[in-house]
Amino acid sequence: MLGRTIELPKSGFALEIDGRLKTEFSTKEGAEHGAIELKRRFPMLQIRIYDVDTQSRLDLPT
């Protein structure tokens, strides 16, 4: 069985949900807002923000 190839975003930010990149955002503030909203609705998910420019993952602000 072949695995699915994940295409990284070219710019901006993306939400990493349970280790998989999902929704893309053009601004960090937009990504934070989306992540906080998802975490509020689904607290059991592990959500981080992926920064394309620095190729790093950021934890949610508290």
PDB file of N, CA and C in Angstrom:
ATOM      1  N   MET A   1       0.841  -1.170   0.000  1.00  0.00           N
ATOM      2  CA  MET A   1       0.000   0.000   0.000  1.00  0.00           C
ATOM      3  C   MET A   1       0.893   1.243   0.000  1.00  0.00           C
ATOM      4  N   LEU A   2       0.649   2.148  -0.918  1.00  0.00           N
ATOM      5  CA  LEU A   2       1.458   3.346  -1.030  1.00  0.00           C
ATOM      6  C   LEU A   2       0.985   4.414  -0.064  1.00  0.00           C
ATOM      7  N   GLY A   3       1.949   5.142   0.515  1.00  0.00           N
ATOM      8  CA  GLY A   3       1.612   6.247   1.410  1.00  0.00           C
ATOM      9  C   GLY A   3       1.289   7.487   0.620  1.00  0.00           C
ATOM     10  N   ARG A   4       0.595   8.402   1.238  1.00  0.00           N
ATOM     11  CA  ARG A   4       0.218   9.653   0.595  1.00  0.00           C
ATOM     12  C   ARG A   4       1.350  10.657   0.706  1.00  0.00           C
ATOM     13  N   THR A   5       1.701  11.335  -0.376  1.00  0.00           N
ATOM     14  CA  THR A   5       2.729  12.358  -0.363  1.00  0.00           C
ATOM     15  C   THR A   5       2.113  13.677   0.079  1.00  0.00           C
ATOM     16  N   ILE A   6       2.726  14.289   1.088  1.00  0.00           N
ATOM     17  CA  ILE A   6       2.226  15.558   1.597  1.00  0.00           C
ATOM     18  C   ILE A   6       3.032  16.681   0.976  1.00  0.00           C
ATOM     19  N   GLU A   7       2.349  17.604   0.344  1.00  0.00           N
ATOM     20  CA  GLU A   7       3.008  18.746  -0.281  1.00  0.00           C
ATOM     21  C   GLU A   7       3.067  19.891   0.723  1.00  0.00           C
ATOM     22  N   LEU A   8       4.280  20.373   0.985  1.00  0.00           N
ATOM     23  CA  LEU A   8       4.447  21.472   1.927  1.00  0.00           C
ATOM     24  C   LEU A   8       4.000  22.781   1.292  1.00  0.00           C
ATOM     25  N   PRO A   9       3.449  23.680   2.095  1.00  0.00           N
ATOM     26  CA  PRO A   9       3.069  24.990   1.562  1.00  0.00           C
ATOM     27  C   PRO A   9       4.308  25.749   1.085  1.00  0.00           C
ATOM     28  N   LYS A  10       4.126  26.647   0.131  1.00  0.00           N
ATOM     29  CA  LYS A  10       5.246  27.417  -0.424  1.00  0.00           C
ATOM     30  C   LYS A  10       5.568  28.661   0.403  1.00  0.00           C
ATOM     31  N   SER A  11       4.573  29.213   1.096  1.00  0.00           N
ATOM     32  CA  SER A  11       4.793  30.397   1.928  1.00  0.00           C
ATOM     33  C   SER A  11       3.731  30.456   3.008  1.00  0.00           C
ATOM     34  N   GLY A  12       3.990  31.272   4.021  1.00  0.00           N
ATOM     35  CA  GLY A  12       3.007  31.476   5.079  1.00  0.00           C
ATOM     36  C   GLY A  12       3.112  30.457   6.193  1.00  0.00           C
ATOM     37  N   PHE A  13       1.959  30.015   6.656  1.00  0.00           N
ATOM     38  CA  PHE A  13       1.877  29.137   7.811  1.00  0.00           C
ATOM     39  C   PHE A  13       0.850  28.040   7.540  1.00  0.00           C
ATOM     40  N   ALA A  14       0.978  26.928   8.245  1.00  0.00           N
ATOM     41  CA  ALA A  14       0.015  25.839   8.126  1.00  0.00           C
ATOM     42  C   ALA A  14      -0.243  25.269   9.509  1.00  0.00           C
ATOM     43  N   LEU A  15      -1.413  24.685   9.688  1.00  0.00           N
ATOM     44  CA  LEU A  15      -1.715  24.008  10.938  1.00  0.00           C
ATOM     45  C   LEU A  15      -1.288  22.553  10.819  1.00  0.00           C
ATOM     46  N   GLU A  16      -0.567  22.096  11.820  1.00  0.00           N
ATOM     47  CA  GLU A  16      -0.189  20.697  11.913  1.00  0.00           C
ATOM     48  C   GLU A  16      -1.100  20.074  12.964  1.00  0.00           C
ATOM     49  N   ILE A  17      -1.954  19.176  12.529  1.00  0.00           N
ATOM     50  CA  ILE A  17      -2.916  18.549  13.419  1.00  0.00           C
ATOM     51  C   ILE A  17      -2.566  17.074  13.544  1.00  0.00           C
ATOM     52  N   ASP A  18      -2.241  16.663  14.762  1.00  0.00           N
ATOM     53  CA  ASP A  18      -1.830  15.284  15.037  1.00  0.00           C
ATOM     54  C   ASP A  18      -0.730  14.824  14.082  1.00  0.00           C
ATOM     55  N   GLY A  19       0.241  15.705  13.820  1.00  0.00           N
ATOM     56  CA  GLY A  19       1.398  15.357  13.000  1.00  0.00           C
ATOM     57  C   GLY A  19       1.210  15.476  11.509  1.00  0.00           C
ATOM     58  N   ARG A  20       0.046  15.929  11.050  1.00  0.00           N
ATOM     59  CA  ARG A  20      -0.204  16.074   9.599  1.00  0.00           C
ATOM     60  C   ARG A  20      -0.518  17.526   9.273  1.00  0.00           C
ATOM     61  N   LEU A  21       0.106  18.033   8.223  1.00  0.00           N
ATOM     62  CA  LEU A  21      -0.160  19.406   7.807  1.00  0.00           C
ATOM     63  C   LEU A  21      -1.534  19.494   7.159  1.00  0.00           C
ATOM     64  N   LYS A  22      -2.278  20.495   7.559  1.00  0.00           N
ATOM     65  CA  LYS A  22      -3.643  20.655   7.053  1.00  0.00           C
ATOM     66  C   LYS A  22      -3.801  22.051   6.453  1.00  0.00           C
ATOM     67  N   THR A  23      -4.586  22.897   7.073  1.00  0.00           N
ATOM     68  CA  THR A  23      -4.979  24.193   6.548  1.00  0.00           C
ATOM     69  C   THR A  23      -3.815  25.175   6.461  1.00  0.00           C
ATOM     70  N   GLU A  24      -3.764  25.937   5.359  1.00  0.00           N
ATOM     71  CA  GLU A  24      -2.734  26.961   5.155  1.00  0.00           C
ATOM     72  C   GLU A  24      -3.284  28.344   5.479  1.00  0.00           C
ATOM     73  N   PHE A  25      -2.401  29.209   5.999  1.00  0.00           N
ATOM     74  CA  PHE A  25      -2.749  30.596   6.313  1.00  0.00           C
ATOM     75  C   PHE A  25      -1.642  31.499   5.798  1.00  0.00           C
ATOM     76  N   SER A  26      -1.995  32.727   5.425  1.00  0.00           N
ATOM     77  CA  SER A  26      -0.987  33.658   4.926  1.00  0.00           C
ATOM     78  C   SER A  26      -0.315  34.431   6.059  1.00  0.00           C
ATOM     79  N   THR A  27      -0.973  34.536   7.219  1.00  0.00           N
ATOM     80  CA  THR A  27      -0.398  35.280   8.344  1.00  0.00           C
ATOM     81  C   THR A  27      -0.312  34.399   9.582  1.00  0.00           C
ATOM     82  N   LYS A  28       0.618  34.752  10.467  1.00  0.00           N
ATOM     83  CA  LYS A  28       0.776  34.026  11.721  1.00  0.00           C
ATOM     84  C   LYS A  28      -0.450  34.225  12.611  1.00  0.00           C
ATOM     85  N   GLU A  29      -0.985  35.439  12.609  1.00  0.00           N
ATOM     86  CA  GLU A  29      -2.161  35.733  13.430  1.00  0.00           C
ATOM     87  C   GLU A  29      -3.362  34.888  12.992  1.00  0.00           C
ATOM     88  N   GLY A  30      -3.542  34.739  11.692  1.00  0.00           N
ATOM     89  CA  GLY A  30      -4.628  33.910  11.177  1.00  0.00           C
ATOM     90  C   GLY A  30      -4.460  32.458  11.581  1.00  0.00           C
ATOM     91  N   ALA A  31      -3.225  31.965  11.506  1.00  0.00           N
ATOM     92  CA  ALA A  31      -2.956  30.577  11.895  1.00  0.00           C
ATOM     93  C   ALA A  31      -3.196  30.382  13.388  1.00  0.00           C
ATOM     94  N   GLU A  32      -2.775  31.350  14.198  1.00  0.00           N
ATOM     95  CA  GLU A  32      -3.002  31.255  15.643  1.00  0.00           C
ATOM     96  C   GLU A  32      -4.485  31.257  15.960  1.00  0.00           C
ATOM     97  N   HIS A  33      -5.224  32.128  15.311  1.00  0.00           N
ATOM     98  CA  HIS A  33      -6.669  32.201  15.546  1.00  0.00           C
ATOM     99  C   HIS A  33      -7.331  30.869  15.165  1.00  0.00           C
ATOM    100  N   GLY A  34      -6.978  30.324  14.016  1.00  0.00           N
ATOM    101  CA  GLY A  34      -7.528  29.045  13.585  1.00  0.00           C
ATOM    102  C   GLY A  34      -7.163  27.912  14.527  1.00  0.00           C
ATOM    103  N   ALA A  35      -5.919  27.908  14.999  1.00  0.00           N
ATOM    104  CA  ALA A  35      -5.468  26.858  15.911  1.00  0.00           C
ATOM    105  C   ALA A  35      -6.191  26.937  17.252  1.00  0.00           C
ATOM    106  N   ILE A  36      -6.350  28.139  17.767  1.00  0.00           N
ATOM    107  CA  ILE A  36      -7.032  28.324  19.050  1.00  0.00           C
ATOM    108  C   ILE A  36      -8.492  27.905  18.943  1.00  0.00           C
ATOM    109  N   GLU A  37      -9.133  28.252  17.839  1.00  0.00           N
ATOM    110  CA  GLU A  37     -10.534  27.879  17.638  1.00  0.00           C
ATOM    111  C   GLU A  37     -10.685  26.353  17.558  1.00  0.00           C
ATOM    112  N   LEU A  38      -9.798  25.693  16.810  1.00  0.00           N
ATOM    113  CA  LEU A  38      -9.849  24.235  16.721  1.00  0.00           C
ATOM    114  C   LEU A  38      -9.602  23.586  18.079  1.00  0.00           C
ATOM    115  N   LYS A  39      -8.617  24.098  18.816  1.00  0.00           N
ATOM    116  CA  LYS A  39      -8.287  23.534  20.128  1.00  0.00           C
ATOM    117  C   LYS A  39      -9.450  23.715  21.098  1.00  0.00           C
ATOM    118  N   ARG A  40     -10.165  24.834  20.981  1.00  0.00           N
ATOM    119  CA  ARG A  40     -11.321  25.075  21.841  1.00  0.00           C
ATOM    120  C   ARG A  40     -12.423  24.065  21.536  1.00  0.00           C
ATOM    121  N   ARG A  41     -12.636  23.781  20.257  1.00  0.00           N
ATOM    122  CA  ARG A  41     -13.696  22.856  19.859  1.00  0.00           C
ATOM    123  C   ARG A  41     -13.303  21.391  20.041  1.00  0.00           C
ATOM    124  N   PHE A  42     -12.012  21.086  19.844  1.00  0.00           N
ATOM    125  CA  PHE A  42     -11.526  19.706  19.926  1.00  0.00           C
ATOM    126  C   PHE A  42     -10.267  19.667  20.788  1.00  0.00           C
ATOM    127  N   PRO A  43     -10.411  19.726  22.110  1.00  0.00           N
ATOM    128  CA  PRO A  43      -9.239  19.839  22.993  1.00  0.00           C
ATOM    129  C   PRO A  43      -8.307  18.627  22.964  1.00  0.00           C
ATOM    130  N   MET A  44      -8.772  17.496  22.453  1.00  0.00           N
ATOM    131  CA  MET A  44      -7.931  16.304  22.437  1.00  0.00           C
ATOM    132  C   MET A  44      -6.916  16.305  21.296  1.00  0.00           C
ATOM    133  N   LEU A  45      -7.069  17.196  20.311  1.00  0.00           N
ATOM    134  CA  LEU A  45      -6.142  17.250  19.176  1.00  0.00           C
ATOM    135  C   LEU A  45      -4.812  17.874  19.583  1.00  0.00           C
ATOM    136  N   GLN A  46      -3.742  17.387  18.974  1.00  0.00           N
ATOM    137  CA  GLN A  46      -2.435  18.010  19.136  1.00  0.00           C
ATOM    138  C   GLN A  46      -2.262  18.961  17.955  1.00  0.00           C
ATOM    139  N   ILE A  47      -2.223  20.265  18.219  1.00  0.00           N
ATOM    140  CA  ILE A  47      -2.185  21.268  17.157  1.00  0.00           C
ATOM    141  C   ILE A  47      -0.946  22.144  17.324  1.00  0.00           C
ATOM    142  N   ARG A  48      -0.184  22.277  16.242  1.00  0.00           N
ATOM    143  CA  ARG A  48       0.964  23.186  16.212  1.00  0.00           C
ATOM    144  C   ARG A  48       0.906  23.987  14.918  1.00  0.00           C
ATOM    145  N   ILE A  49       1.639  25.086  14.892  1.00  0.00           N
ATOM    146  CA  ILE A  49       1.692  25.953  13.715  1.00  0.00           C
ATOM    147  C   ILE A  49       3.036  25.743  13.031  1.00  0.00           C
ATOM    148  N   TYR A  50       2.993  25.447  11.731  1.00  0.00           N
ATOM    149  CA  TYR A  50       4.213  25.246  10.943  1.00  0.00           C
ATOM    150  C   TYR A  50       4.529  26.536  10.202  1.00  0.00           C
ATOM    151  N   ASP A  51       5.728  27.083  10.429  1.00  0.00           N
ATOM    152  CA  ASP A  51       6.197  28.303   9.767  1.00  0.00           C
ATOM    153  C   ASP A  51       7.049  27.892   8.571  1.00  0.00           C
ATOM    154  N   VAL A  52       6.577  28.210   7.371  1.00  0.00           N
ATOM    155  CA  VAL A  52       7.254  27.780   6.148  1.00  0.00           C
ATOM    156  C   VAL A  52       8.617  28.451   6.000  1.00  0.00           C
ATOM    157  N   ASP A  53       8.712  29.742   6.320  1.00  0.00           N
ATOM    158  CA  ASP A  53       9.970  30.475   6.121  1.00  0.00           C
ATOM    159  C   ASP A  53      11.111  29.902   6.951  1.00  0.00           C
ATOM    160  N   THR A  54      10.863  29.605   8.218  1.00  0.00           N
ATOM    161  CA  THR A  54      11.915  29.085   9.096  1.00  0.00           C
ATOM    162  C   THR A  54      11.900  27.557   9.167  1.00  0.00           C
ATOM    163  N   GLN A  55      10.913  26.937   8.547  1.00  0.00           N
ATOM    164  CA  GLN A  55      10.716  25.482   8.564  1.00  0.00           C
ATOM    165  C   GLN A  55      10.717  24.944   9.993  1.00  0.00           C
ATOM    166  N   SER A  56       9.967  25.642  10.857  1.00  0.00           N
ATOM    167  CA  SER A  56       9.878  25.231  12.254  1.00  0.00           C
ATOM    168  C   SER A  56       8.424  25.132  12.680  1.00  0.00           C
ATOM    169  N   ARG A  57       8.207  24.465  13.787  1.00  0.00           N
ATOM    170  CA  ARG A  57       6.869  24.300  14.333  1.00  0.00           C
ATOM    171  C   ARG A  57       6.765  25.085  15.629  1.00  0.00           C
ATOM    172  N   LEU A  58       5.650  25.781  15.788  1.00  0.00           N
ATOM    173  CA  LEU A  58       5.421  26.603  16.968  1.00  0.00           C
ATOM    174  C   LEU A  58       4.284  26.015  17.776  1.00  0.00           C
ATOM    175  N   ASP A  59       4.449  25.952  19.092  1.00  0.00           N
ATOM    176  CA  ASP A  59       3.351  25.521  19.939  1.00  0.00           C
ATOM    177  C   ASP A  59       2.324  26.624  20.050  1.00  0.00           C
ATOM    178  N   LEU A  60       1.113  26.250  20.398  1.00  0.00           N
ATOM    179  CA  LEU A  60       0.035  27.240  20.548  1.00  0.00           C
ATOM    180  C   LEU A  60       0.350  28.220  21.663  1.00  0.00           C
ATOM    181  N   PRO A  61      -0.003  29.491  21.476  1.00  0.00           N
ATOM    182  CA  PRO A  61       0.171  30.448  22.578  1.00  0.00           C
ATOM    183  C   PRO A  61      -0.820  30.121  23.688  1.00  0.00           C
ATOM    184  N   THR A  62      -0.423  30.347  24.921  1.00  0.00           N
ATOM    185  CA  THR A  62      -1.320  30.050  26.044  1.00  0.00           C
ATOM    186  C   THR A  62      -2.004  31.273  26.562  1.00  0.00           C
TER     187      THR A  62
END
